[in-house]
Amino acid sequence: MTLPLQGLSAVVTGAGRGLGRVEALELARLGAAVVVNDHGRPGRDGTGEASAGPAEQVAAEIRDTLGGTALAHTGDVADSQQARELVELAIGEFGKLDILVNNAGILRDRMIFSMTEDEWDSVLRVHLKGHFNTTRFAAAHWRRRAKAAGEPVYGRIINTSSEAFLAGSAGQPNYAAAKGGIVGLTTSTALALAKYGVTANAICPRARTRMTEDVFAGLAAPAEGLDPLAPEHVAPLVGYLAAPAAARVNGQLLVVHGGMVAIVERPRVRERFDSKQETFTYDELDALLTPHYARRPPGETFAAAEVLALKRER
């Protein structure tokens, strides 16, 4: 039986632990050869000494337990040169790159009035710049191949956003901004690369990992059965988006957790106001917008906190 990803190669960043680990294992189970990337710093805030251990352990698990093909890369994807080397490693070892899963990230939570410049910059650097760096070099690879072949090639990008961006997480302005930026990067990439045969999609996973241990500290895992917050609930969607079956899925945002996948609809214009003159005046805007917002629920913003309650009880 031919596996869905047989003959394809993948890079998964931040794959030494948590979500990235189970995603790398899933791609390998579906037949892909995988480059497991992880910088290996022990702190979820990106601190501590870098280590090859986490990436090498997952690569060994793919080889020894699953009988798959995998190698480790321990570079920092937020560094442009190291991201280039990661993509080139996959191309050099497997002849081409077909799938890119961007998952690497850190947390440095703080309220906006207390956040330092370094806490802001470091989170944007790892999440948003890290996604850009790998995407930029993978995109160039697919474009070159498509031009040489004179036809589209196979390419899949799965980026990791977060419900923090959708719901407006108050204590994570850096993280929410980075994750919102990733959605913008994804939709732009999806439009730019579609003609080359490449799709780009973003997921918002909810899972109990090292990065979310505080968030879900009060929700104990069940004594029996799979934890609804287990990262294993997320991996199958990543495998599907990486597969040929998802060829028509492009530029999408999907929330996934605990046996549920929700496709998030793109923003719609709720109401439109047109000036009766050449342009608006203050008085005209006051007459139109003030009563409009007076009728809206107090505290309602563009954030969509309702996504946090999507899962239905069985």
Foldseek 3Di string as FASTA:
>chain_A
DQFQQALAEEEFAQCLWALNVLLQLLLLLSHYAYEYEAQCAPALQPDHHGDQPSQQVSQVCSCPVVVGHYDYQNDQLLDLVSLLVSLVVRCVVSVAHAEYEYDDFGADWAAPVPDDPCNLVSRLSRQQSSLVRNLVNNLVRLVVVCVVVVAADHHEYEYEAALCLQQVPRRGPSNNVSSVNVLVVQLVSLVVCVRNQYAGEYEHEAADTSRCCVVCVVPDADPDDDGQRGSNFVNVVSSVRSGPVVSVDHSWYWYTTRNDIDTDDDDDDPDDDDDPDPDDDPVVCCVPVVVVVVPDDPPDDSRDNCVVVPDDDD
